[in-house]
Amino acid sequence: MKHEKSPVENTIDPLEIDKFSELASRWWDTESEFKPLHEINPLRFAYINDRTPLDGLTVADIGCGGGILTESLARAGATVTGIDLSEAALDVAKLHAAEEQLSINYECIATEDYAYDHSATFDVVTCMEMLEHVPEPASIVNACSRLLKPGGSAFFSTLNRNGKSWLFAIVGAEYILNLLPRGTHDWQRFIKPSQLAQMTRAADLQVLNITGMTYNPFSKQYSTGSDISVNYLMHTIKAESAAQSSPTKK
């Protein structure tokens, strides 16, 4: 009899997990493959904290990796849980948090499984630069919504899918400017803002804002603005009356 994958297994890509696990030791090296994440982190953090001041809130950081954004959230006064499936990355995250004397809870678990047991627990959920690395992003978006308390905010960032994003994020970033290792991204998994908005609506999340994030190769600086043609951030809020469904856990 053929084994059927569970819904959660269908959202996991072992190759993506292995890819980032192999780089785990370099997460906090600001001149490594993770340099772009370090450079955009102040922009990501400001986008979140400006819209939902984090001091005193509970936050789940989905796809936290080595904890670059996670630590910024904790420094702002939030009680933070980082979720990731790379044990190697989480080992680095835990060690770095200890060195920085930050109290952060890290969990190596699928987002859907964690959401099943922690429904309506968090004031804020962040899922940054992750959706383009999973086979079923809608499942992750739904889990993010499930984790949120009614009225809570979910923040996403990912890559638009069009000719410009292929040219800039694949050809430019990976092959010409060498900002990222070749093979970091699969253009077919990039997500148009309209598609992400559709996923959020289906998960009882209302889109409040979409902001672009761009890179200037001459100044070597990132900035936020109205251009959402390549990278973009999205702020959503969960309906106060949103009902929690009870999925079957396999």
Protein backbone atom coordinates (compact mmCIF):
# COMPACT_ATOMS: atom_id res chain seq x y z
CA MET A 1 0.00 0.00 0.00
CA LYS A 2 1.39 3.38 -0.99
CA HIS A 3 2.23 5.68 1.90
CA GLU A 4 0.38 9.00 1.72
CA LYS A 5 2.15 12.06 3.02
CA SER A 6 0.42 13.94 5.80
CA PRO A 7 -0.59 17.57 5.08
CA VAL A 8 2.32 18.82 7.19
CA GLU A 9 4.84 16.61 5.37
CA ASN A 10 3.63 18.10 2.10
CA THR A 11 4.67 21.58 3.26
CA ILE A 12 8.24 20.58 4.11
CA ASP A 13 11.09 20.61 1.61
CA PRO A 14 14.05 18.64 3.06
CA LEU A 15 16.39 20.08 0.43
CA GLU A 16 15.64 23.62 1.59
CA ILE A 17 16.22 22.63 5.22
CA ASP A 18 19.52 20.96 4.31
CA LYS A 19 20.58 24.00 2.26
CA PHE A 20 20.34 26.35 5.22
CA SER A 21 21.60 23.79 7.73
CA GLU A 22 24.86 23.50 5.79
CA LEU A 23 25.34 27.27 6.19
CA ALA A 24 24.32 27.33 9.86
CA SER A 25 27.73 28.18 11.31
CA ARG A 26 27.79 31.42 9.28
CA TRP A 27 24.41 32.85 10.29
CA TRP A 28 25.97 35.59 12.43
CA ASP A 29 28.88 36.37 10.12
CA THR A 30 27.83 39.70 8.62
CA GLU A 31 30.14 39.17 5.63
CA SER A 32 28.86 35.65 4.86
CA GLU A 33 26.04 34.40 2.65
CA PHE A 34 23.71 35.91 5.24
CA LYS A 35 25.01 39.45 4.74
CA PRO A 36 21.81 40.52 2.89
CA LEU A 37 19.67 39.33 5.81
CA HIS A 38 21.75 41.37 8.23
CA GLU A 39 21.47 44.41 5.96
CA ILE A 40 17.69 44.23 5.53
CA ASN A 41 17.03 43.31 9.15
CA PRO A 42 16.77 46.93 10.40
CA LEU A 43 14.20 47.60 7.66
CA ARG A 44 12.19 44.49 8.50
CA PHE A 45 12.26 45.26 12.21
CA ALA A 46 11.24 48.89 11.72
CA TYR A 47 8.36 47.83 9.45
CA ILE A 48 7.05 45.54 12.18
CA ASN A 49 7.68 47.70 15.25
CA ASP A 50 6.39 50.91 13.66
CA ARG A 51 3.05 49.25 12.95
CA THR A 52 2.79 47.15 16.11
CA PRO A 53 5.00 48.37 18.97
CA LEU A 54 6.44 45.15 20.35
CA ASP A 55 7.23 45.96 23.97
CA GLY A 56 5.26 43.58 26.18
CA LEU A 57 3.80 41.53 23.32
CA THR A 58 4.12 37.82 22.56
CA VAL A 59 5.66 37.08 19.16
CA ALA A 60 6.20 33.93 17.09
CA ASP A 61 8.96 34.21 14.47
CA ILE A 62 8.29 31.55 11.83
CA GLY A 63 11.28 30.28 9.86
CA CYS A 64 13.59 32.07 12.29
CA GLY A 65 16.81 30.39 11.13
CA GLY A 66 19.77 31.57 13.18
CA GLY A 67 17.70 34.22 14.95
CA ILE A 68 18.71 37.47 13.23
CA LEU A 69 15.22 39.01 13.32
CA THR A 70 14.24 37.01 16.41
CA GLU A 71 16.84 38.76 18.54
CA SER A 72 15.73 42.19 17.33
CA LEU A 73 12.16 41.35 18.36
CA ALA A 74 13.35 40.25 21.81
CA ARG A 75 15.48 43.38 22.27
CA ALA A 76 12.34 45.45 21.65
CA GLY A 77 10.76 43.93 24.76
CA ALA A 78 8.71 41.14 23.20
CA THR A 79 8.45 37.61 24.54
CA VAL A 80 9.59 35.67 21.48
CA THR A 81 9.37 32.08 20.25
CA GLY A 82 11.41 31.18 17.16
CA ILE A 83 10.20 28.28 15.01
CA ASP A 84 12.36 26.47 12.46
CA LEU A 85 12.98 22.95 11.14
CA SER A 86 16.77 23.25 10.92
CA GLU A 87 18.25 21.94 14.14
CA ALA A 88 21.67 23.22 13.09
CA ALA A 89 20.37 26.76 12.62
CA LEU A 90 18.53 26.64 15.95
CA ASP A 91 21.66 25.46 17.73
CA VAL A 92 23.40 28.58 16.43
CA ALA A 93 20.42 30.74 17.41
CA LYS A 94 20.35 29.37 20.96
CA LEU A 95 24.09 29.86 21.43
CA HIS A 96 24.03 33.42 20.11
CA ALA A 97 21.03 34.34 22.27
CA ALA A 98 22.84 32.98 25.32
CA GLU A 99 25.94 35.01 24.46
CA GLU A 100 23.77 38.12 24.14
CA GLN A 101 21.91 37.26 27.37
CA LEU A 102 18.56 37.21 25.59
CA SER A 103 15.71 34.99 26.75
CA ILE A 104 14.24 33.44 23.59
CA ASN A 105 12.32 30.18 23.26
CA TYR A 106 13.38 28.21 20.17
CA GLU A 107 11.37 25.23 18.88
CA CYS A 108 12.36 22.74 16.16
CA ILE A 109 8.93 21.84 14.84
CA ALA A 110 6.74 22.25 11.76
CA THR A 111 4.74 25.47 11.91
CA GLU A 112 1.46 23.63 11.40
CA ASP A 113 2.18 21.24 14.27
CA TYR A 114 3.11 24.09 16.58
CA ALA A 115 -0.02 26.02 15.61
CA TYR A 116 -2.19 22.99 16.35
CA ASP A 117 -1.11 23.08 20.01
CA HIS A 118 -0.77 26.88 20.39
CA SER A 119 -3.92 28.29 18.83
CA ALA A 120 -4.64 31.98 19.52
CA THR A 121 -1.48 32.35 21.64
CA PHE A 122 0.45 35.24 20.07
CA ASP A 123 -0.09 38.96 19.61
CA VAL A 124 2.22 39.05 16.58
CA VAL A 125 3.48 36.45 14.10
CA THR A 126 6.35 37.15 11.72
CA CYS A 127 7.19 35.03 8.68
CA MET A 128 9.98 36.73 6.76
CA GLU A 129 11.86 35.42 3.73
CA MET A 130 10.39 31.96 4.26
CA LEU A 131 7.29 31.45 2.12
CA GLU A 132 9.32 31.26 -1.11
CA HIS A 133 11.18 28.25 0.30
CA VAL A 134 8.18 25.98 1.04
CA PRO A 135 6.03 23.86 -1.30
CA GLU A 136 2.69 24.97 0.20
CA PRO A 137 2.91 28.58 1.40
CA ALA A 138 -0.85 28.79 1.97
CA SER A 139 -0.54 26.14 4.67
CA ILE A 140 2.07 28.25 6.47
CA VAL A 141 -0.08 31.38 6.18
CA ASN A 142 -3.03 29.49 7.64
CA ALA A 143 -0.88 28.25 10.54
CA CYS A 144 0.33 31.79 11.18
CA SER A 145 -3.27 32.92 11.43
CA ARG A 146 -4.11 30.08 13.78
CA LEU A 147 -1.27 31.13 16.11
CA LEU A 148 -2.63 34.68 16.35
CA LYS A 149 -5.01 36.02 18.91
CA PRO A 150 -8.03 37.79 17.37
CA GLY A 151 -6.91 41.29 16.44
CA GLY A 152 -3.27 40.22 16.26
CA SER A 153 -0.88 41.14 13.45
CA ALA A 154 0.89 38.83 11.02
CA PHE A 155 3.83 40.14 9.00
CA PHE A 156 5.14 38.47 5.85
CA SER A 157 7.97 39.25 3.46
CA THR A 158 8.74 37.41 0.25
CA LEU A 159 9.53 37.89 -3.45
CA ASN A 160 7.20 38.89 -6.27
CA ARG A 161 7.08 36.63 -9.33
CA ASN A 162 7.63 38.46 -12.62
CA GLY A 163 10.36 39.06 -15.16
CA LYS A 164 12.00 41.80 -13.10
CA SER A 165 12.24 39.63 -9.98
CA TRP A 166 13.86 36.84 -12.01
CA LEU A 167 16.37 39.34 -13.42
CA PHE A 168 17.11 41.06 -10.10
CA ALA A 169 16.72 38.32 -7.48
CA ILE A 170 18.08 35.38 -9.47
CA VAL A 171 20.38 36.63 -12.24
CA GLY A 172 21.54 39.80 -10.49
CA ALA A 173 21.70 38.73 -6.85
CA GLU A 174 22.97 35.18 -7.36
CA TYR A 175 25.02 35.29 -10.59
CA ILE A 176 26.26 38.85 -11.14
CA LEU A 177 26.51 40.63 -7.78
CA ASN A 178 27.03 37.39 -5.80
CA LEU A 179 24.88 38.69 -2.98
CA LEU A 180 23.51 35.18 -2.44
CA PRO A 181 24.76 31.65 -3.19
CA ARG A 182 23.59 30.32 -6.54
CA GLY A 183 20.49 28.22 -6.10
CA THR A 184 19.27 30.11 -3.03
CA HIS A 185 15.95 30.83 -4.70
CA ASP A 186 13.61 29.06 -7.11
CA TRP A 187 11.77 31.67 -9.20
CA GLN A 188 8.81 29.33 -9.63
CA ARG A 189 8.18 29.62 -5.89
CA PHE A 190 8.09 33.40 -5.84
CA ILE A 191 4.66 34.73 -4.84
CA LYS A 192 2.78 37.64 -6.37
CA PRO A 193 1.31 40.08 -3.83
CA SER A 194 -2.17 39.29 -5.14
CA GLN A 195 -1.56 35.60 -4.50
CA LEU A 196 -0.32 36.21 -0.96
CA ALA A 197 -3.28 38.50 -0.32
CA GLN A 198 -5.60 35.72 -1.47
CA MET A 199 -3.90 33.29 0.93
CA THR A 200 -4.25 35.72 3.83
CA ARG A 201 -7.93 36.38 3.14
CA ALA A 202 -8.59 32.64 3.13
CA ALA A 203 -6.91 32.51 6.55
CA ASP A 204 -9.06 35.30 8.07
CA LEU A 205 -6.28 37.86 7.74
CA GLN A 206 -6.97 41.35 6.39
CA VAL A 207 -4.21 43.10 4.45
CA LEU A 208 -3.43 46.51 5.95
CA ASN A 209 -0.28 47.43 4.05
CA ILE A 210 2.10 46.25 1.34
CA THR A 211 5.52 47.92 1.12
CA GLY A 212 8.36 47.26 -1.30
CA MET A 213 12.00 46.70 -0.42
CA THR A 214 14.66 47.53 -3.00
CA TYR A 215 18.43 47.27 -3.37
CA ASN A 216 20.58 49.94 -5.01
CA PRO A 217 23.67 48.22 -6.48
CA PHE A 218 25.52 51.54 -6.74
CA SER A 219 25.08 52.68 -3.14
CA LYS A 220 24.82 49.07 -1.94
CA GLN A 221 21.93 50.12 0.27
CA TYR A 222 18.47 48.65 0.85
CA SER A 223 15.41 50.83 1.33
CA THR A 224 11.64 50.53 1.63
CA GLY A 225 9.13 52.27 -0.60
CA SER A 226 6.31 51.82 -3.08
CA ASP A 227 8.17 49.52 -5.51
CA ILE A 228 6.85 45.99 -4.82
CA SER A 229 8.11 44.49 -8.08
CA VAL A 230 10.82 42.36 -6.41
CA ASN A 231 10.89 42.17 -2.60
CA TYR A 232 7.88 43.21 -0.55
CA LEU A 233 6.55 43.18 3.01
CA MET A 234 2.93 42.71 4.02
CA HIS A 235 1.13 43.62 7.25
CA THR A 236 -2.10 41.77 7.98
CA ILE A 237 -4.45 41.67 10.94
CA LYS A 238 -6.62 38.83 12.18
CA ALA A 239 -10.32 39.51 12.40
CA GLU A 240 -11.55 40.01 15.97
CA SER A 241 -14.37 37.54 15.29
CA ALA A 242 -12.25 34.95 13.44
CA ALA A 243 -13.25 31.44 14.43
CA GLN A 244 -10.56 28.84 14.98
CA SER A 245 -11.06 25.72 12.90
CA SER A 246 -10.12 22.33 14.31
CA PRO A 247 -7.98 20.56 11.71
CA THR A 248 -7.36 16.86 11.92
CA LYS A 249 -3.81 16.22 13.04
CA LYS A 250 -2.16 13.21 11.46
